[in-house]
Amino acid sequence: MKTELTIDPAPRRRRSASDATLLVLFAAVLSLVSCGYSAGPLVPEGVRTVAVLIFENDTFRREIEVELTRAVAEEFHARTNLRVVGDPAAADLVVRGRISSFSERVLADREHNEVTESSVVVEIVVVLENRVAGTTRSVTLSVREPYSTIKGQTLASARAEAFENLAEKVVYSLENDWPDAPDREPS
């Protein structure tokens, strides 16, 4: 019994159209990469180390400054090539800041004031001191993180998520206006 192999030209045409699409997509990605876009934050030139000082806390919530500081230091470690150091005198970049507000906004509750839907709203002022370039700038960042007790979420889990989001914003704020940012202190 003899089997013949026949080739249908139609699938070949489909393959070449998809090959062309892949080629165009590859060229687009290559052009983005060559234009200076990157997957992570851009660190100011010459900066190799960062010190993240304990945030000040202008709120009545105790110990949240430690949690936020830890989140910011971990974000620098995870998303940049900077070495996180404990001594600000040994750092090229010093990050300090304060938590200016922390509030919980109840969106829905049950009988007896049992919260079911709420959100955490946090605002911070961060000072980024680039000792290599001799510049200092401040930035105000805020985040709102909703949570639902019906879904098993808690105020603590929403706070942790809010701090992680703020930490990411702090790291990505390095990309903006360096090294020619105006010298400012937080208000």
N, C-alpha and C. Protein backbone atom coordinates (compact mmCIF):
# COMPACT_ATOMS: atom_id res chain seq x y z
N MET A 1 0.84 -1.17 0.00
CA MET A 1 0.00 0.00 0.00
C MET A 1 0.89 1.24 0.00
N LYS A 2 0.62 2.06 -0.93
CA LYS A 2 1.44 3.22 -1.13
C LYS A 2 0.67 4.47 -0.71
N THR A 3 1.29 5.30 0.12
CA THR A 3 0.66 6.56 0.53
C THR A 3 1.39 7.71 -0.14
N GLU A 4 0.59 8.61 -0.60
CA GLU A 4 1.17 9.78 -1.23
C GLU A 4 1.04 10.97 -0.29
N LEU A 5 2.03 11.77 -0.33
CA LEU A 5 2.01 12.98 0.47
C LEU A 5 1.67 14.14 -0.46
N THR A 6 0.56 14.77 -0.17
CA THR A 6 0.18 15.94 -0.96
C THR A 6 0.26 17.17 -0.07
N ILE A 7 0.72 18.21 -0.63
CA ILE A 7 0.86 19.46 0.12
C ILE A 7 -0.13 20.46 -0.42
N ASP A 8 -0.95 20.96 0.46
CA ASP A 8 -1.93 21.97 0.09
C ASP A 8 -1.27 23.34 0.17
N PRO A 9 -1.29 24.12 -0.90
CA PRO A 9 -0.61 25.42 -0.88
C PRO A 9 -1.32 26.45 0.01
N ALA A 10 -2.57 26.26 0.34
CA ALA A 10 -3.29 27.25 1.15
C ALA A 10 -2.66 27.45 2.54
N PRO A 11 -2.33 26.36 3.28
CA PRO A 11 -1.71 26.60 4.57
C PRO A 11 -0.39 27.34 4.47
N ARG A 12 0.32 27.13 3.39
CA ARG A 12 1.60 27.81 3.22
C ARG A 12 1.39 29.31 3.11
N ARG A 13 0.36 29.72 2.38
CA ARG A 13 0.08 31.15 2.27
C ARG A 13 -0.28 31.74 3.62
N ARG A 14 -1.06 31.01 4.43
CA ARG A 14 -1.40 31.49 5.76
C ARG A 14 -0.15 31.62 6.62
N ARG A 15 0.74 30.66 6.49
CA ARG A 15 1.97 30.71 7.27
C ARG A 15 2.80 31.93 6.89
N SER A 16 2.89 32.25 5.60
CA SER A 16 3.70 33.40 5.23
C SER A 16 3.07 34.70 5.71
N ALA A 17 1.75 34.76 5.76
CA ALA A 17 1.10 35.96 6.30
C ALA A 17 1.41 36.09 7.79
N SER A 18 1.36 34.97 8.51
CA SER A 18 1.67 35.04 9.95
C SER A 18 3.15 35.31 10.17
N ASP A 19 4.02 34.80 9.27
CA ASP A 19 5.44 35.11 9.37
C ASP A 19 5.68 36.60 9.16
N ALA A 20 4.97 37.18 8.21
CA ALA A 20 5.12 38.61 7.96
C ALA A 20 4.64 39.42 9.17
N THR A 21 3.55 38.97 9.77
CA THR A 21 3.04 39.65 10.97
C THR A 21 4.05 39.57 12.10
N LEU A 22 4.64 38.40 12.28
CA LEU A 22 5.66 38.25 13.32
C LEU A 22 6.87 39.12 13.04
N LEU A 23 7.25 39.21 11.78
CA LEU A 23 8.40 40.04 11.40
C LEU A 23 8.13 41.52 11.70
N VAL A 24 6.92 41.98 11.37
CA VAL A 24 6.55 43.37 11.64
C VAL A 24 6.53 43.62 13.16
N LEU A 25 5.96 42.68 13.89
CA LEU A 25 5.91 42.80 15.35
C LEU A 25 7.31 42.83 15.94
N PHE A 26 8.18 41.96 15.47
CA PHE A 26 9.57 41.94 15.94
C PHE A 26 10.28 43.26 15.64
N ALA A 27 10.05 43.80 14.45
CA ALA A 27 10.67 45.08 14.08
C ALA A 27 10.16 46.21 14.98
N ALA A 28 8.87 46.17 15.32
CA ALA A 28 8.31 47.20 16.19
C ALA A 28 8.92 47.13 17.59
N VAL A 29 9.05 45.92 18.12
CA VAL A 29 9.65 45.74 19.43
C VAL A 29 11.11 46.18 19.40
N LEU A 30 11.83 45.81 18.36
CA LEU A 30 13.22 46.20 18.22
C LEU A 30 13.38 47.71 18.15
N SER A 31 12.47 48.39 17.46
CA SER A 31 12.57 49.84 17.36
C SER A 31 12.28 50.50 18.71
N LEU A 32 11.35 49.93 19.48
CA LEU A 32 11.08 50.48 20.82
C LEU A 32 12.30 50.34 21.72
N VAL A 33 12.93 49.18 21.66
CA VAL A 33 14.11 48.95 22.49
C VAL A 33 15.23 49.89 22.09
N SER A 34 15.40 50.11 20.80
CA SER A 34 16.48 50.97 20.35
C SER A 34 16.19 52.44 20.60
N CYS A 35 14.94 52.80 20.88
CA CYS A 35 14.58 54.19 21.15
C CYS A 35 14.80 54.56 22.60
N GLY A 36 15.29 53.66 23.41
CA GLY A 36 15.58 54.00 24.79
C GLY A 36 14.53 53.54 25.78
N TYR A 37 13.51 52.83 25.35
CA TYR A 37 12.54 52.32 26.28
C TYR A 37 13.14 51.15 27.05
N SER A 38 12.72 51.00 28.29
CA SER A 38 13.26 49.90 29.09
C SER A 38 12.15 49.25 29.88
N ALA A 39 12.40 48.05 30.37
CA ALA A 39 11.42 47.32 31.15
C ALA A 39 11.37 47.79 32.60
N GLY A 40 12.42 48.41 33.10
CA GLY A 40 12.48 48.85 34.48
C GLY A 40 12.74 50.34 34.56
N PRO A 41 12.78 50.85 35.77
CA PRO A 41 13.02 52.29 35.93
C PRO A 41 14.44 52.68 35.53
N LEU A 42 14.58 53.89 35.06
CA LEU A 42 15.89 54.41 34.70
C LEU A 42 16.49 55.06 35.93
N VAL A 43 17.68 54.67 36.29
CA VAL A 43 18.38 55.19 37.45
C VAL A 43 19.27 56.34 36.98
N PRO A 44 19.32 57.44 37.74
CA PRO A 44 20.19 58.55 37.34
C PRO A 44 21.63 58.09 37.12
N GLU A 45 22.29 58.69 36.16
CA GLU A 45 23.66 58.32 35.81
C GLU A 45 24.60 58.49 37.00
N GLY A 46 25.45 57.50 37.20
CA GLY A 46 26.45 57.54 38.26
C GLY A 46 25.96 57.07 39.62
N VAL A 47 24.66 56.85 39.76
CA VAL A 47 24.10 56.41 41.04
C VAL A 47 24.21 54.89 41.13
N ARG A 48 24.87 54.41 42.18
CA ARG A 48 25.09 52.96 42.37
C ARG A 48 24.49 52.44 43.68
N THR A 49 24.32 53.33 44.67
CA THR A 49 23.82 52.91 45.98
C THR A 49 22.67 53.81 46.42
N VAL A 50 21.80 53.27 47.25
CA VAL A 50 20.66 54.02 47.76
C VAL A 50 20.48 53.71 49.24
N ALA A 51 20.18 54.73 50.02
CA ALA A 51 19.80 54.57 51.42
C ALA A 51 18.37 55.03 51.57
N VAL A 52 17.54 54.20 52.18
CA VAL A 52 16.14 54.55 52.41
C VAL A 52 15.99 54.77 53.92
N LEU A 53 15.82 56.04 54.29
CA LEU A 53 15.68 56.38 55.71
C LEU A 53 14.26 56.08 56.18
N ILE A 54 14.10 55.83 57.47
CA ILE A 54 12.78 55.57 58.05
C ILE A 54 11.88 56.78 57.79
N PHE A 55 10.72 56.54 57.22
CA PHE A 55 9.77 57.61 56.94
C PHE A 55 9.26 58.21 58.25
N GLU A 56 9.03 59.51 58.25
CA GLU A 56 8.35 60.16 59.36
C GLU A 56 6.86 59.83 59.23
N ASN A 57 6.14 59.94 60.33
CA ASN A 57 4.73 59.57 60.32
C ASN A 57 3.93 60.70 60.97
N ASP A 58 3.17 61.44 60.15
CA ASP A 58 2.34 62.53 60.65
C ASP A 58 0.95 62.07 61.05
N THR A 59 0.71 60.75 61.05
CA THR A 59 -0.62 60.23 61.36
C THR A 59 -0.63 59.62 62.75
N PHE A 60 -1.81 59.22 63.16
CA PHE A 60 -1.94 58.57 64.47
C PHE A 60 -1.78 57.05 64.38
N ARG A 61 -1.56 56.53 63.19
CA ARG A 61 -1.35 55.09 63.00
C ARG A 61 0.08 54.75 63.39
N ARG A 62 0.24 53.84 64.33
CA ARG A 62 1.58 53.50 64.81
C ARG A 62 2.23 52.45 63.93
N GLU A 63 3.52 52.58 63.76
CA GLU A 63 4.38 51.59 63.09
C GLU A 63 4.20 51.47 61.58
N ILE A 64 3.32 52.26 60.98
CA ILE A 64 3.16 52.14 59.52
C ILE A 64 4.37 52.67 58.78
N GLU A 65 5.12 53.57 59.41
CA GLU A 65 6.32 54.11 58.76
C GLU A 65 7.37 53.03 58.55
N VAL A 66 7.43 52.07 59.44
CA VAL A 66 8.39 50.96 59.31
C VAL A 66 7.99 50.06 58.14
N GLU A 67 6.71 49.78 58.06
CA GLU A 67 6.19 48.94 56.97
C GLU A 67 6.42 49.60 55.60
N LEU A 68 6.16 50.91 55.51
CA LEU A 68 6.37 51.62 54.25
C LEU A 68 7.85 51.69 53.89
N THR A 69 8.70 51.98 54.86
CA THR A 69 10.14 52.05 54.59
C THR A 69 10.66 50.71 54.07
N ARG A 70 10.22 49.63 54.69
CA ARG A 70 10.63 48.29 54.25
C ARG A 70 10.17 48.04 52.82
N ALA A 71 8.94 48.42 52.49
CA ALA A 71 8.42 48.22 51.13
C ALA A 71 9.23 49.00 50.10
N VAL A 72 9.61 50.25 50.44
CA VAL A 72 10.40 51.06 49.50
C VAL A 72 11.78 50.46 49.30
N ALA A 73 12.44 50.05 50.38
CA ALA A 73 13.78 49.45 50.26
C ALA A 73 13.72 48.16 49.44
N GLU A 74 12.70 47.33 49.68
CA GLU A 74 12.55 46.08 48.92
C GLU A 74 12.29 46.36 47.44
N GLU A 75 11.55 47.42 47.15
CA GLU A 75 11.26 47.77 45.75
C GLU A 75 12.53 48.23 45.03
N PHE A 76 13.38 49.02 45.70
CA PHE A 76 14.65 49.41 45.11
C PHE A 76 15.51 48.17 44.83
N HIS A 77 15.52 47.25 45.76
CA HIS A 77 16.31 46.03 45.60
C HIS A 77 15.78 45.19 44.43
N ALA A 78 14.46 45.08 44.31
CA ALA A 78 13.85 44.21 43.30
C ALA A 78 13.86 44.82 41.90
N ARG A 79 13.72 46.13 41.77
CA ARG A 79 13.49 46.73 40.46
C ARG A 79 14.65 47.54 39.90
N THR A 80 15.72 47.69 40.67
CA THR A 80 16.86 48.46 40.15
C THR A 80 18.14 47.66 40.37
N ASN A 81 19.20 48.17 39.81
CA ASN A 81 20.51 47.55 40.05
C ASN A 81 21.24 48.26 41.19
N LEU A 82 20.53 49.12 41.92
CA LEU A 82 21.15 49.84 43.03
C LEU A 82 21.34 48.92 44.24
N ARG A 83 22.44 49.13 44.94
CA ARG A 83 22.69 48.39 46.18
C ARG A 83 22.11 49.22 47.31
N VAL A 84 21.21 48.61 48.09
CA VAL A 84 20.59 49.29 49.22
C VAL A 84 21.56 49.23 50.40
N VAL A 85 21.91 50.42 50.94
CA VAL A 85 22.85 50.50 52.05
C VAL A 85 22.16 51.13 53.25
N GLY A 86 22.64 50.81 54.43
CA GLY A 86 22.04 51.34 55.65
C GLY A 86 22.56 52.71 56.05
N ASP A 87 23.76 53.05 55.62
CA ASP A 87 24.39 54.30 56.02
C ASP A 87 24.16 55.36 54.94
N PRO A 88 23.40 56.42 55.24
CA PRO A 88 23.17 57.45 54.23
C PRO A 88 24.44 58.16 53.77
N ALA A 89 25.46 58.19 54.62
CA ALA A 89 26.72 58.83 54.23
C ALA A 89 27.42 58.05 53.11
N ALA A 90 27.12 56.77 52.98
CA ALA A 90 27.74 55.92 51.96
C ALA A 90 26.88 55.79 50.71
N ALA A 91 25.78 56.53 50.63
CA ALA A 91 24.83 56.36 49.53
C ALA A 91 24.96 57.46 48.49
N ASP A 92 24.78 57.07 47.22
CA ASP A 92 24.72 58.04 46.13
C ASP A 92 23.35 58.71 46.07
N LEU A 93 22.34 57.98 46.47
CA LEU A 93 20.96 58.47 46.47
C LEU A 93 20.38 58.23 47.85
N VAL A 94 19.81 59.27 48.46
CA VAL A 94 19.18 59.15 49.77
C VAL A 94 17.70 59.43 49.59
N VAL A 95 16.88 58.51 50.09
CA VAL A 95 15.43 58.64 50.02
C VAL A 95 14.93 58.83 51.44
N ARG A 96 14.21 59.93 51.65
CA ARG A 96 13.57 60.15 52.95
C ARG A 96 12.18 60.70 52.67
N GLY A 97 11.32 60.56 53.64
CA GLY A 97 9.97 61.05 53.39
C GLY A 97 9.12 61.00 54.64
N ARG A 98 7.86 61.33 54.42
CA ARG A 98 6.91 61.28 55.53
C ARG A 98 5.55 60.86 55.02
N ILE A 99 4.84 60.18 55.89
CA ILE A 99 3.46 59.81 55.60
C ILE A 99 2.61 60.99 56.06
N SER A 100 2.04 61.72 55.12
CA SER A 100 1.28 62.91 55.49
C SER A 100 -0.17 62.60 55.82
N SER A 101 -0.73 61.55 55.24
CA SER A 101 -2.09 61.15 55.63
C SER A 101 -2.30 59.66 55.37
N PHE A 102 -3.13 59.09 56.23
CA PHE A 102 -3.53 57.69 56.12
C PHE A 102 -4.97 57.64 56.61
N SER A 103 -5.87 57.22 55.73
CA SER A 103 -7.27 57.16 56.15
C SER A 103 -7.94 55.92 55.58
N GLU A 104 -8.99 55.54 56.26
CA GLU A 104 -9.84 54.44 55.79
C GLU A 104 -11.18 55.05 55.44
N ARG A 105 -11.65 54.76 54.25
CA ARG A 105 -12.94 55.28 53.80
C ARG A 105 -13.91 54.12 53.65
N VAL A 106 -14.90 54.07 54.52
CA VAL A 106 -15.89 53.00 54.48
C VAL A 106 -16.86 53.27 53.33
N LEU A 107 -17.03 52.27 52.49
CA LEU A 107 -17.93 52.39 51.34
C LEU A 107 -19.26 51.69 51.59
N ALA A 108 -19.23 50.60 52.35
CA ALA A 108 -20.46 49.86 52.66
C ALA A 108 -20.28 49.15 53.99
N ASP A 109 -21.40 49.07 54.72
CA ASP A 109 -21.36 48.32 55.98
C ASP A 109 -22.68 47.60 56.19
N ARG A 110 -22.66 46.67 57.12
CA ARG A 110 -23.84 45.89 57.49
C ARG A 110 -24.43 46.46 58.78
N GLU A 111 -25.34 45.69 59.33
CA GLU A 111 -25.88 46.06 60.63
C GLU A 111 -24.76 46.15 61.65
N HIS A 112 -24.94 46.92 62.64
CA HIS A 112 -23.99 47.09 63.73
C HIS A 112 -22.64 47.63 63.25
N ASN A 113 -22.68 48.41 62.15
CA ASN A 113 -21.49 49.08 61.61
C ASN A 113 -20.35 48.13 61.23
N GLU A 114 -20.68 46.92 60.83
CA GLU A 114 -19.66 45.97 60.36
C GLU A 114 -19.26 46.34 58.93
N VAL A 115 -18.00 46.73 58.74
CA VAL A 115 -17.50 47.17 57.43
C VAL A 115 -17.44 45.99 56.47
N THR A 116 -18.00 46.18 55.27
CA THR A 116 -17.90 45.14 54.24
C THR A 116 -17.07 45.59 53.04
N GLU A 117 -17.16 46.85 52.69
CA GLU A 117 -16.39 47.41 51.59
C GLU A 117 -15.74 48.71 52.09
N SER A 118 -14.45 48.85 51.85
CA SER A 118 -13.75 50.03 52.32
C SER A 118 -12.54 50.28 51.43
N SER A 119 -11.81 51.33 51.73
CA SER A 119 -10.56 51.59 51.03
C SER A 119 -9.60 52.32 51.94
N VAL A 120 -8.33 52.12 51.66
CA VAL A 120 -7.26 52.79 52.37
C VAL A 120 -6.72 53.87 51.43
N VAL A 121 -6.56 55.08 51.95
CA VAL A 121 -6.01 56.18 51.16
C VAL A 121 -4.76 56.68 51.90
N VAL A 122 -3.63 56.67 51.19
CA VAL A 122 -2.36 57.07 51.80
C VAL A 122 -1.71 58.12 50.92
N GLU A 123 -1.18 59.16 51.57
CA GLU A 123 -0.42 60.19 50.85
C GLU A 123 0.93 60.32 51.53
N ILE A 124 1.99 60.38 50.70
CA ILE A 124 3.34 60.55 51.23
C ILE A 124 4.06 61.66 50.48
N VAL A 125 5.03 62.25 51.14
CA VAL A 125 5.93 63.21 50.51
C VAL A 125 7.31 62.57 50.58
N VAL A 126 7.96 62.46 49.43
CA VAL A 126 9.25 61.80 49.35
C VAL A 126 10.29 62.80 48.86
N VAL A 127 11.45 62.79 49.49
CA VAL A 127 12.57 63.62 49.07
C VAL A 127 13.64 62.68 48.53
N LEU A 128 14.06 62.94 47.28
CA LEU A 128 15.09 62.15 46.62
C LEU A 128 16.32 63.04 46.49
N GLU A 129 17.37 62.67 47.19
CA GLU A 129 18.61 63.45 47.16
C GLU A 129 19.65 62.69 46.35
N ASN A 130 19.95 63.20 45.16
CA ASN A 130 20.95 62.61 44.29
C ASN A 130 22.28 63.28 44.61
N ARG A 131 23.11 62.62 45.39
CA ARG A 131 24.38 63.22 45.81
C ARG A 131 25.40 63.25 44.68
N VAL A 132 25.26 62.41 43.69
CA VAL A 132 26.18 62.41 42.55
C VAL A 132 25.98 63.68 41.73
N ALA A 133 24.71 64.02 41.43
CA ALA A 133 24.41 65.20 40.62
C ALA A 133 24.26 66.46 41.47
N GLY A 134 24.16 66.29 42.79
CA GLY A 134 23.99 67.44 43.66
C GLY A 134 22.60 68.04 43.60
N THR A 135 21.59 67.22 43.32
CA THR A 135 20.22 67.71 43.22
C THR A 135 19.33 67.05 44.26
N THR A 136 18.32 67.79 44.65
CA THR A 136 17.31 67.27 45.58
C THR A 136 15.95 67.67 45.04
N ARG A 137 15.03 66.73 45.09
CA ARG A 137 13.68 67.08 44.70
C ARG A 137 12.69 66.33 45.56
N SER A 138 11.50 66.88 45.65
CA SER A 138 10.47 66.20 46.42
C SER A 138 9.28 65.92 45.52
N VAL A 139 8.57 64.88 45.86
CA VAL A 139 7.40 64.48 45.08
C VAL A 139 6.33 64.01 46.07
N THR A 140 5.10 64.38 45.82
CA THR A 140 3.97 63.93 46.62
C THR A 140 3.28 62.81 45.85
N LEU A 141 3.08 61.68 46.52
CA LEU A 141 2.47 60.52 45.89
C LEU A 141 1.29 60.06 46.75
N SER A 142 0.28 59.55 46.10
CA SER A 142 -0.86 59.02 46.85
C SER A 142 -1.39 57.78 46.16
N VAL A 143 -2.12 57.00 46.95
CA VAL A 143 -2.71 55.77 46.43
C VAL A 143 -3.98 55.48 47.20
N ARG A 144 -4.93 54.89 46.51
CA ARG A 144 -6.17 54.42 47.12
C ARG A 144 -6.28 52.93 46.85
N GLU A 145 -6.42 52.15 47.90
CA GLU A 145 -6.49 50.70 47.75
C GLU A 145 -7.80 50.18 48.34
N PRO A 146 -8.74 49.72 47.49
CA PRO A 146 -10.01 49.19 48.01
C PRO A 146 -9.84 47.79 48.58
N TYR A 147 -10.74 47.43 49.48
CA TYR A 147 -10.76 46.05 49.98
C TYR A 147 -12.17 45.67 50.39
N SER A 148 -12.40 44.36 50.43
CA SER A 148 -13.71 43.82 50.77
C SER A 148 -13.55 42.72 51.81
N THR A 149 -14.21 42.89 52.94
CA THR A 149 -14.16 41.84 53.96
C THR A 149 -14.93 40.61 53.50
N ILE A 150 -15.88 40.79 52.60
CA ILE A 150 -16.64 39.66 52.06
C ILE A 150 -15.72 38.73 51.28
N LYS A 151 -14.70 39.30 50.62
CA LYS A 151 -13.73 38.52 49.86
C LYS A 151 -12.56 38.05 50.71
N GLY A 152 -12.63 38.31 52.03
CA GLY A 152 -11.56 37.86 52.92
C GLY A 152 -10.42 38.85 53.05
N GLN A 153 -10.55 40.03 52.47
CA GLN A 153 -9.50 41.04 52.57
C GLN A 153 -9.66 41.81 53.87
N THR A 154 -8.56 42.39 54.32
CA THR A 154 -8.57 43.11 55.59
C THR A 154 -7.94 44.49 55.42
N LEU A 155 -8.08 45.29 56.45
CA LEU A 155 -7.41 46.59 56.47
C LEU A 155 -5.90 46.39 56.34
N ALA A 156 -5.36 45.39 57.03
CA ALA A 156 -3.91 45.12 56.98
C ALA A 156 -3.47 44.72 55.57
N SER A 157 -4.26 43.90 54.88
CA SER A 157 -3.87 43.49 53.52
C SER A 157 -3.97 44.67 52.55
N ALA A 158 -4.97 45.53 52.74
CA ALA A 158 -5.10 46.72 51.88
C ALA A 158 -3.95 47.69 52.16
N ARG A 159 -3.58 47.84 53.41
CA ARG A 159 -2.46 48.72 53.76
C ARG A 159 -1.17 48.22 53.12
N ALA A 160 -0.92 46.91 53.21
CA ALA A 160 0.29 46.33 52.61
C ALA A 160 0.30 46.55 51.10
N GLU A 161 -0.83 46.36 50.46
CA GLU A 161 -0.92 46.57 49.01
C GLU A 161 -0.71 48.04 48.66
N ALA A 162 -1.28 48.94 49.45
CA ALA A 162 -1.09 50.38 49.23
C ALA A 162 0.38 50.75 49.34
N PHE A 163 1.06 50.20 50.35
CA PHE A 163 2.49 50.51 50.54
C PHE A 163 3.33 49.95 49.41
N GLU A 164 2.99 48.76 48.91
CA GLU A 164 3.72 48.21 47.76
C GLU A 164 3.53 49.10 46.53
N ASN A 165 2.31 49.59 46.31
CA ASN A 165 2.05 50.47 45.17
C ASN A 165 2.78 51.80 45.32
N LEU A 166 2.82 52.34 46.53
CA LEU A 166 3.56 53.58 46.76
C LEU A 166 5.05 53.36 46.56
N ALA A 167 5.57 52.24 47.03
CA ALA A 167 7.00 51.94 46.86
C ALA A 167 7.36 51.88 45.38
N GLU A 168 6.50 51.27 44.58
CA GLU A 168 6.74 51.21 43.14
C GLU A 168 6.74 52.63 42.55
N LYS A 169 5.82 53.47 42.99
CA LYS A 169 5.78 54.85 42.50
C LYS A 169 7.04 55.61 42.89
N VAL A 170 7.56 55.37 44.09
CA VAL A 170 8.79 56.04 44.52
C VAL A 170 9.94 55.67 43.59
N VAL A 171 10.10 54.38 43.33
CA VAL A 171 11.19 53.92 42.47
C VAL A 171 11.04 54.48 41.06
N TYR A 172 9.83 54.43 40.51
CA TYR A 172 9.63 54.93 39.15
C TYR A 172 9.69 56.45 39.06
N SER A 173 9.58 57.16 40.19
CA SER A 173 9.71 58.61 40.16
C SER A 173 11.14 59.04 39.88
N LEU A 174 12.09 58.11 39.99
CA LEU A 174 13.48 58.42 39.65
C LEU A 174 13.63 58.81 38.19
N GLU A 175 12.76 58.31 37.33
CA GLU A 175 12.88 58.56 35.89
C GLU A 175 12.56 60.00 35.53
N ASN A 176 11.79 60.68 36.33
CA ASN A 176 11.29 62.00 35.97
C ASN A 176 12.25 63.12 36.35
N ASP A 177 12.67 63.88 35.36
CA ASP A 177 13.39 65.13 35.55
C ASP A 177 14.79 65.02 36.15
N TRP A 178 15.43 63.88 36.16
CA TRP A 178 16.80 63.82 36.66
C TRP A 178 17.74 64.06 35.51
N PRO A 179 18.89 64.65 35.69
CA PRO A 179 19.42 65.22 36.93
C PRO A 179 19.13 66.70 37.08
N ASP A 180 18.30 67.28 36.20
CA ASP A 180 18.10 68.72 36.22
C ASP A 180 16.86 69.15 36.98
N ALA A 181 16.40 68.35 37.92
CA ALA A 181 15.21 68.70 38.69
C ALA A 181 15.50 69.89 39.58
N PRO A 182 14.51 70.75 39.77
CA PRO A 182 14.74 71.90 40.65
C PRO A 182 14.92 71.44 42.10
N ASP A 183 15.77 72.16 42.81
CA ASP A 183 15.99 71.84 44.23
C ASP A 183 14.77 72.31 45.02
N ARG A 184 14.14 71.35 45.74
CA ARG A 184 12.99 71.68 46.56
C ARG A 184 13.00 70.82 47.81
N GLU A 185 12.39 71.32 48.82
CA GLU A 185 12.19 70.56 50.06
C GLU A 185 10.68 70.35 50.20
N PRO A 186 10.26 69.31 50.93
CA PRO A 186 8.82 69.10 51.09
C PRO A 186 8.20 70.20 51.93
N SER A 187 6.95 70.48 51.66
CA SER A 187 6.27 71.52 52.44
C SER A 187 5.76 71.00 53.76
